[in-house]
Amino acid sequence: MVYCSVMSNELLTVEEVASFLKVDAETVRRWLLSGDLKGTKIGKKLWRITVDEFEKFLKKESKDVETQS
């Protein structure tokens, strides 16, 4: 679990997810727009991602990497 000490419905920003994964914020936005990562759009530009959805994304991506090996 990524954030075992926080409530699973806590909201993360695009920048927080990007920082955790060490990727650019635009990469996270592309994942959100493509549906690979689920989030909620607030207004025209802001996104929020629940910890639950972030953990699902990490598990899915790690499984995808394992099956490619």
PDB file of N, CA and C in Angstrom:
ATOM      1  N   MET A   1       0.844  -1.175   0.000  1.00  0.00           N
ATOM      2  CA  MET A   1       0.000   0.000   0.000  1.00  0.00           C
ATOM      3  C   MET A   1       0.888   1.236   0.000  1.00  0.00           C
ATOM      4  N   VAL A   2       0.538   2.208  -0.795  1.00  0.00           N
ATOM      5  CA  VAL A   2       1.357   3.401  -0.962  1.00  0.00           C
ATOM      6  C   VAL A   2       1.294   4.295   0.270  1.00  0.00           C
ATOM      7  N   TYR A   3       0.113   4.639   0.692  1.00  0.00           N
ATOM      8  CA  TYR A   3      -0.071   5.543   1.822  1.00  0.00           C
ATOM      9  C   TYR A   3      -0.866   4.822   2.902  1.00  0.00           C
ATOM     10  N   CYS A   4      -0.248   3.865   3.560  1.00  0.00           N
ATOM     11  CA  CYS A   4      -0.968   3.049   4.523  1.00  0.00           C
ATOM     12  C   CYS A   4      -1.444   3.845   5.730  1.00  0.00           C
ATOM     13  N   SER A   5      -0.871   5.001   5.991  1.00  0.00           N
ATOM     14  CA  SER A   5      -1.245   5.765   7.176  1.00  0.00           C
ATOM     15  C   SER A   5      -2.304   6.828   6.893  1.00  0.00           C
ATOM     16  N   VAL A   6      -2.784   6.914   5.648  1.00  0.00           N
ATOM     17  CA  VAL A   6      -3.803   7.909   5.333  1.00  0.00           C
ATOM     18  C   VAL A   6      -5.090   7.218   4.927  1.00  0.00           C
ATOM     19  N   MET A   7      -6.163   7.976   4.988  1.00  0.00           N
ATOM     20  CA  MET A   7      -7.445   7.417   4.570  1.00  0.00           C
ATOM     21  C   MET A   7      -7.422   7.195   3.064  1.00  0.00           C
ATOM     22  N   SER A   8      -8.062   6.129   2.618  1.00  0.00           N
ATOM     23  CA  SER A   8      -8.007   5.760   1.210  1.00  0.00           C
ATOM     24  C   SER A   8      -8.769   6.719   0.313  1.00  0.00           C
ATOM     25  N   ASN A   9      -9.594   7.580   0.888  1.00  0.00           N
ATOM     26  CA  ASN A   9     -10.324   8.531   0.053  1.00  0.00           C
ATOM     27  C   ASN A   9      -9.646   9.897   0.013  1.00  0.00           C
ATOM     28  N   GLU A  10      -8.425   9.989   0.539  1.00  0.00           N
ATOM     29  CA  GLU A  10      -7.677  11.239   0.466  1.00  0.00           C
ATOM     30  C   GLU A  10      -7.386  11.556  -0.995  1.00  0.00           C
ATOM     31  N   LEU A  11      -7.391  12.829  -1.323  1.00  0.00           N
ATOM     32  CA  LEU A  11      -7.164  13.245  -2.700  1.00  0.00           C
ATOM     33  C   LEU A  11      -5.724  13.687  -2.900  1.00  0.00           C
ATOM     34  N   LEU A  12      -5.158  13.270  -4.020  1.00  0.00           N
ATOM     35  CA  LEU A  12      -3.799  13.642  -4.411  1.00  0.00           C
ATOM     36  C   LEU A  12      -3.875  14.575  -5.614  1.00  0.00           C
ATOM     37  N   THR A  13      -2.900  15.447  -5.725  1.00  0.00           N
ATOM     38  CA  THR A  13      -2.812  16.320  -6.896  1.00  0.00           C
ATOM     39  C   THR A  13      -1.982  15.621  -7.982  1.00  0.00           C
ATOM     40  N   VAL A  14      -2.061  16.159  -9.178  1.00  0.00           N
ATOM     41  CA  VAL A  14      -1.239  15.668 -10.284  1.00  0.00           C
ATOM     42  C   VAL A  14       0.232  15.777  -9.905  1.00  0.00           C
ATOM     43  N   GLU A  15       0.597  16.866  -9.292  1.00  0.00           N
ATOM     44  CA  GLU A  15       1.994  17.094  -8.924  1.00  0.00           C
ATOM     45  C   GLU A  15       2.466  16.097  -7.875  1.00  0.00           C
ATOM     46  N   GLU A  16       1.611  15.741  -6.919  1.00  0.00           N
ATOM     47  CA  GLU A  16       1.979  14.759  -5.899  1.00  0.00           C
ATOM     48  C   GLU A  16       2.214  13.382  -6.518  1.00  0.00           C
ATOM     49  N   VAL A  17       1.324  12.985  -7.430  1.00  0.00           N
ATOM     50  CA  VAL A  17       1.488  11.698  -8.108  1.00  0.00           C
ATOM     51  C   VAL A  17       2.764  11.719  -8.942  1.00  0.00           C
ATOM     52  N   ALA A  18       2.986  12.799  -9.672  1.00  0.00           N
ATOM     53  CA  ALA A  18       4.186  12.925 -10.510  1.00  0.00           C
ATOM     54  C   ALA A  18       5.456  12.860  -9.664  1.00  0.00           C
ATOM     55  N   SER A  19       5.446  13.543  -8.550  1.00  0.00           N
ATOM     56  CA  SER A  19       6.609  13.551  -7.671  1.00  0.00           C
ATOM     57  C   SER A  19       6.888  12.154  -7.116  1.00  0.00           C
ATOM     58  N   PHE A  20       5.852  11.468  -6.697  1.00  0.00           N
ATOM     59  CA  PHE A  20       6.020  10.122  -6.151  1.00  0.00           C
ATOM     60  C   PHE A  20       6.619   9.177  -7.189  1.00  0.00           C
ATOM     61  N   LEU A  21       6.142   9.284  -8.439  1.00  0.00           N
ATOM     62  CA  LEU A  21       6.596   8.392  -9.506  1.00  0.00           C
ATOM     63  C   LEU A  21       7.828   8.915 -10.241  1.00  0.00           C
ATOM     64  N   LYS A  22       8.254  10.128  -9.892  1.00  0.00           N
ATOM     65  CA  LYS A  22       9.411  10.757 -10.544  1.00  0.00           C
ATOM     66  C   LYS A  22       9.217  10.878 -12.060  1.00  0.00           C
ATOM     67  N   VAL A  23       8.015  11.362 -12.426  1.00  0.00           N
ATOM     68  CA  VAL A  23       7.696  11.645 -13.826  1.00  0.00           C
ATOM     69  C   VAL A  23       7.201  13.084 -13.906  1.00  0.00           C
ATOM     70  N   ASP A  24       7.090  13.593 -15.106  1.00  0.00           N
ATOM     71  CA  ASP A  24       6.590  14.941 -15.311  1.00  0.00           C
ATOM     72  C   ASP A  24       5.078  14.981 -15.074  1.00  0.00           C
ATOM     73  N   ALA A  25       4.574  16.107 -14.598  1.00  0.00           N
ATOM     74  CA  ALA A  25       3.138  16.269 -14.359  1.00  0.00           C
ATOM     75  C   ALA A  25       2.338  16.074 -15.649  1.00  0.00           C
ATOM     76  N   GLU A  26       2.907  16.448 -16.787  1.00  0.00           N
ATOM     77  CA  GLU A  26       2.213  16.245 -18.066  1.00  0.00           C
ATOM     78  C   GLU A  26       1.995  14.758 -18.357  1.00  0.00           C
ATOM     79  N   THR A  27       2.908  13.921 -17.929  1.00  0.00           N
ATOM     80  CA  THR A  27       2.745  12.475 -18.096  1.00  0.00           C
ATOM     81  C   THR A  27       1.529  12.001 -17.315  1.00  0.00           C
ATOM     82  N   VAL A  28       1.387  12.473 -16.094  1.00  0.00           N
ATOM     83  CA  VAL A  28       0.236  12.099 -15.265  1.00  0.00           C
ATOM     84  C   VAL A  28      -1.056  12.600 -15.920  1.00  0.00           C
ATOM     85  N   ARG A  29      -1.031  13.813 -16.443  1.00  0.00           N
ATOM     86  CA  ARG A  29      -2.223  14.339 -17.124  1.00  0.00           C
ATOM     87  C   ARG A  29      -2.586  13.499 -18.344  1.00  0.00           C
ATOM     88  N   ARG A  30      -1.586  13.024 -19.080  1.00  0.00           N
ATOM     89  CA  ARG A  30      -1.858  12.151 -20.236  1.00  0.00           C
ATOM     90  C   ARG A  30      -2.519  10.851 -19.781  1.00  0.00           C
ATOM     91  N   TRP A  31      -2.023  10.285 -18.677  1.00  0.00           N
ATOM     92  CA  TRP A  31      -2.634   9.064 -18.140  1.00  0.00           C
ATOM     93  C   TRP A  31      -4.085   9.311 -17.739  1.00  0.00           C
ATOM     94  N   LEU A  32      -4.342  10.489 -17.151  1.00  0.00           N
ATOM     95  CA  LEU A  32      -5.708  10.829 -16.762  1.00  0.00           C
ATOM     96  C   LEU A  32      -6.602  10.986 -17.988  1.00  0.00           C
ATOM     97  N   LEU A  33      -6.135  11.689 -18.994  1.00  0.00           N
ATOM     98  CA  LEU A  33      -6.928  11.904 -20.204  1.00  0.00           C
ATOM     99  C   LEU A  33      -7.183  10.614 -20.966  1.00  0.00           C
ATOM    100  N   SER A  34      -6.228   9.697 -20.938  1.00  0.00           N
ATOM    101  CA  SER A  34      -6.399   8.425 -21.650  1.00  0.00           C
ATOM    102  C   SER A  34      -7.239   7.427 -20.864  1.00  0.00           C
ATOM    103  N   GLY A  35      -7.429   7.694 -19.567  1.00  0.00           N
ATOM    104  CA  GLY A  35      -8.191   6.776 -18.734  1.00  0.00           C
ATOM    105  C   GLY A  35      -7.345   5.714 -18.057  1.00  0.00           C
ATOM    106  N   ASP A  36      -6.041   5.722 -18.303  1.00  0.00           N
ATOM    107  CA  ASP A  36      -5.157   4.758 -17.638  1.00  0.00           C
ATOM    108  C   ASP A  36      -5.153   4.974 -16.128  1.00  0.00           C
ATOM    109  N   LEU A  37      -5.199   6.225 -15.715  1.00  0.00           N
ATOM    110  CA  LEU A  37      -5.298   6.604 -14.307  1.00  0.00           C
ATOM    111  C   LEU A  37      -6.621   7.327 -14.146  1.00  0.00           C
ATOM    112  N   LYS A  38      -7.416   6.892 -13.174  1.00  0.00           N
ATOM    113  CA  LYS A  38      -8.717   7.517 -12.974  1.00  0.00           C
ATOM    114  C   LYS A  38      -8.605   8.660 -11.970  1.00  0.00           C
ATOM    115  N   GLY A  39      -9.257   9.764 -12.304  1.00  0.00           N
ATOM    116  CA  GLY A  39      -9.271  10.924 -11.432  1.00  0.00           C
ATOM    117  C   GLY A  39     -10.507  11.748 -11.695  1.00  0.00           C
ATOM    118  N   THR A  40     -10.656  12.804 -10.942  1.00  0.00           N
ATOM    119  CA  THR A  40     -11.793  13.704 -11.087  1.00  0.00           C
ATOM    120  C   THR A  40     -11.277  15.067 -11.515  1.00  0.00           C
ATOM    121  N   LYS A  41     -11.888  15.579 -12.572  1.00  0.00           N
ATOM    122  CA  LYS A  41     -11.492  16.892 -13.060  1.00  0.00           C
ATOM    123  C   LYS A  41     -12.302  17.954 -12.321  1.00  0.00           C
ATOM    124  N   ILE A  42     -11.613  18.956 -11.830  1.00  0.00           N
ATOM    125  CA  ILE A  42     -12.239  20.054 -11.103  1.00  0.00           C
ATOM    126  C   ILE A  42     -12.016  21.309 -11.922  1.00  0.00           C
ATOM    127  N   GLY A  43     -13.081  21.859 -12.446  1.00  0.00           N
ATOM    128  CA  GLY A  43     -12.941  23.026 -13.315  1.00  0.00           C
ATOM    129  C   GLY A  43     -12.347  22.617 -14.651  1.00  0.00           C
ATOM    130  N   LYS A  44     -11.602  23.517 -15.256  1.00  0.00           N
ATOM    131  CA  LYS A  44     -11.049  23.251 -16.586  1.00  0.00           C
ATOM    132  C   LYS A  44      -9.689  22.583 -16.553  1.00  0.00           C
ATOM    133  N   LYS A  45      -8.917  22.792 -15.483  1.00  0.00           N
ATOM    134  CA  LYS A  45      -7.532  22.317 -15.495  1.00  0.00           C
ATOM    135  C   LYS A  45      -7.139  21.420 -14.331  1.00  0.00           C
ATOM    136  N   LEU A  46      -7.808  21.514 -13.215  1.00  0.00           N
ATOM    137  CA  LEU A  46      -7.380  20.785 -12.022  1.00  0.00           C
ATOM    138  C   LEU A  46      -7.893  19.357 -11.997  1.00  0.00           C
ATOM    139  N   TRP A  47      -7.039  18.454 -11.561  1.00  0.00           N
ATOM    140  CA  TRP A  47      -7.395  17.046 -11.384  1.00  0.00           C
ATOM    141  C   TRP A  47      -7.099  16.646  -9.945  1.00  0.00           C
ATOM    142  N   ARG A  48      -7.883  15.695  -9.441  1.00  0.00           N
ATOM    143  CA  ARG A  48      -7.600  15.071  -8.155  1.00  0.00           C
ATOM    144  C   ARG A  48      -7.735  13.567  -8.321  1.00  0.00           C
ATOM    145  N   ILE A  49      -6.842  12.848  -7.673  1.00  0.00           N
ATOM    146  CA  ILE A  49      -6.788  11.391  -7.766  1.00  0.00           C
ATOM    147  C   ILE A  49      -6.900  10.842  -6.356  1.00  0.00           C
ATOM    148  N   THR A  50      -7.812   9.889  -6.148  1.00  0.00           N
ATOM    149  CA  THR A  50      -7.902   9.291  -4.815  1.00  0.00           C
ATOM    150  C   THR A  50      -6.731   8.338  -4.619  1.00  0.00           C
ATOM    151  N   VAL A  51      -6.362   8.141  -3.372  1.00  0.00           N
ATOM    152  CA  VAL A  51      -5.284   7.209  -3.049  1.00  0.00           C
ATOM    153  C   VAL A  51      -5.658   5.816  -3.548  1.00  0.00           C
ATOM    154  N   ASP A  52      -6.936   5.433  -3.414  1.00  0.00           N
ATOM    155  CA  ASP A  52      -7.385   4.120  -3.909  1.00  0.00           C
ATOM    156  C   ASP A  52      -7.104   3.962  -5.402  1.00  0.00           C
ATOM    157  N   GLU A  53      -7.472   4.962  -6.192  1.00  0.00           N
ATOM    158  CA  GLU A  53      -7.252   4.885  -7.638  1.00  0.00           C
ATOM    159  C   GLU A  53      -5.768   4.876  -7.978  1.00  0.00           C
ATOM    160  N   PHE A  54      -4.981   5.626  -7.235  1.00  0.00           N
ATOM    161  CA  PHE A  54      -3.541   5.641  -7.455  1.00  0.00           C
ATOM    162  C   PHE A  54      -2.947   4.268  -7.171  1.00  0.00           C
ATOM    163  N   GLU A  55      -3.380   3.631  -6.095  1.00  0.00           N
ATOM    164  CA  GLU A  55      -2.887   2.292  -5.761  1.00  0.00           C
ATOM    165  C   GLU A  55      -3.309   1.273  -6.819  1.00  0.00           C
ATOM    166  N   LYS A  56      -4.548   1.382  -7.325  1.00  0.00           N
ATOM    167  CA  LYS A  56      -5.005   0.484  -8.394  1.00  0.00           C
ATOM    168  C   LYS A  56      -4.126   0.658  -9.631  1.00  0.00           C
ATOM    169  N   PHE A  57      -3.817   1.900  -9.966  1.00  0.00           N
ATOM    170  CA  PHE A  57      -2.966   2.193 -11.114  1.00  0.00           C
ATOM    171  C   PHE A  57      -1.587   1.555 -10.940  1.00  0.00           C
ATOM    172  N   LEU A  58      -1.008   1.707  -9.752  1.00  0.00           N
ATOM    173  CA  LEU A  58       0.317   1.133  -9.495  1.00  0.00           C
ATOM    174  C   LEU A  58       0.288  -0.390  -9.605  1.00  0.00           C
ATOM    175  N   LYS A  59      -0.738  -1.009  -9.059  1.00  0.00           N
ATOM    176  CA  LYS A  59      -0.844  -2.471  -9.127  1.00  0.00           C
ATOM    177  C   LYS A  59      -1.009  -2.934 -10.567  1.00  0.00           C
ATOM    178  N   LYS A  60      -1.855  -2.236 -11.326  1.00  0.00           N
ATOM    179  CA  LYS A  60      -2.072  -2.589 -12.736  1.00  0.00           C
ATOM    180  C   LYS A  60      -0.787  -2.437 -13.528  1.00  0.00           C
ATOM    181  N   GLU A  61      -0.091  -1.338 -13.337  1.00  0.00           N
ATOM    182  CA  GLU A  61       1.149  -1.100 -14.066  1.00  0.00           C
ATOM    183  C   GLU A  61       2.227  -2.108 -13.689  1.00  0.00           C
ATOM    184  N   SER A  62       2.300  -2.483 -12.422  1.00  0.00           N
ATOM    185  CA  SER A  62       3.319  -3.465 -12.024  1.00  0.00           C
ATOM    186  C   SER A  62       2.994  -4.837 -12.589  1.00  0.00           C
ATOM    187  N   LYS A  63       1.710  -5.170 -12.696  1.00  0.00           N
ATOM    188  CA  LYS A  63       1.324  -6.444 -13.313  1.00  0.00           C
ATOM    189  C   LYS A  63       1.660  -6.450 -14.801  1.00  0.00           C
ATOM    190  N   ASP A  64       1.420  -5.297 -15.467  1.00  0.00           N
ATOM    191  CA  ASP A  64       1.744  -5.181 -16.888  1.00  0.00           C
ATOM    192  C   ASP A  64       3.234  -5.382 -17.123  1.00  0.00           C
ATOM    193  N   VAL A  65       4.068  -4.854 -16.262  1.00  0.00           N
ATOM    194  CA  VAL A  65       5.518  -4.997 -16.391  1.00  0.00           C
ATOM    195  C   VAL A  65       5.914  -6.454 -16.176  1.00  0.00           C
ATOM    196  N   GLU A  66       5.299  -7.115 -15.183  1.00  0.00           N
ATOM    197  CA  GLU A  66       5.615  -8.507 -14.895  1.00  0.00           C
ATOM    198  C   GLU A  66       5.257  -9.421 -16.074  1.00  0.00           C
ATOM    199  N   THR A  67       4.131  -9.166 -16.736  1.00  0.00           N
ATOM    200  CA  THR A  67       3.711 -10.021 -17.844  1.00  0.00           C
ATOM    201  C   THR A  67       4.552  -9.794 -19.080  1.00  0.00           C
ATOM    202  N   GLN A  68       5.193  -8.636 -19.184  1.00  0.00           N
ATOM    203  CA  GLN A  68       6.063  -8.360 -20.336  1.00  0.00           C
ATOM    204  C   GLN A  68       7.425  -9.016 -20.185  1.00  0.00           C
ATOM    205  N   SER A  69       7.793  -9.375 -18.959  1.00  0.00           N
ATOM    206  CA  SER A  69       9.125  -9.957 -18.718  1.00  0.00           C
ATOM    207  C   SER A  69       9.204 -11.378 -19.216  1.00  0.00           C
TER     208      SER A  69
END
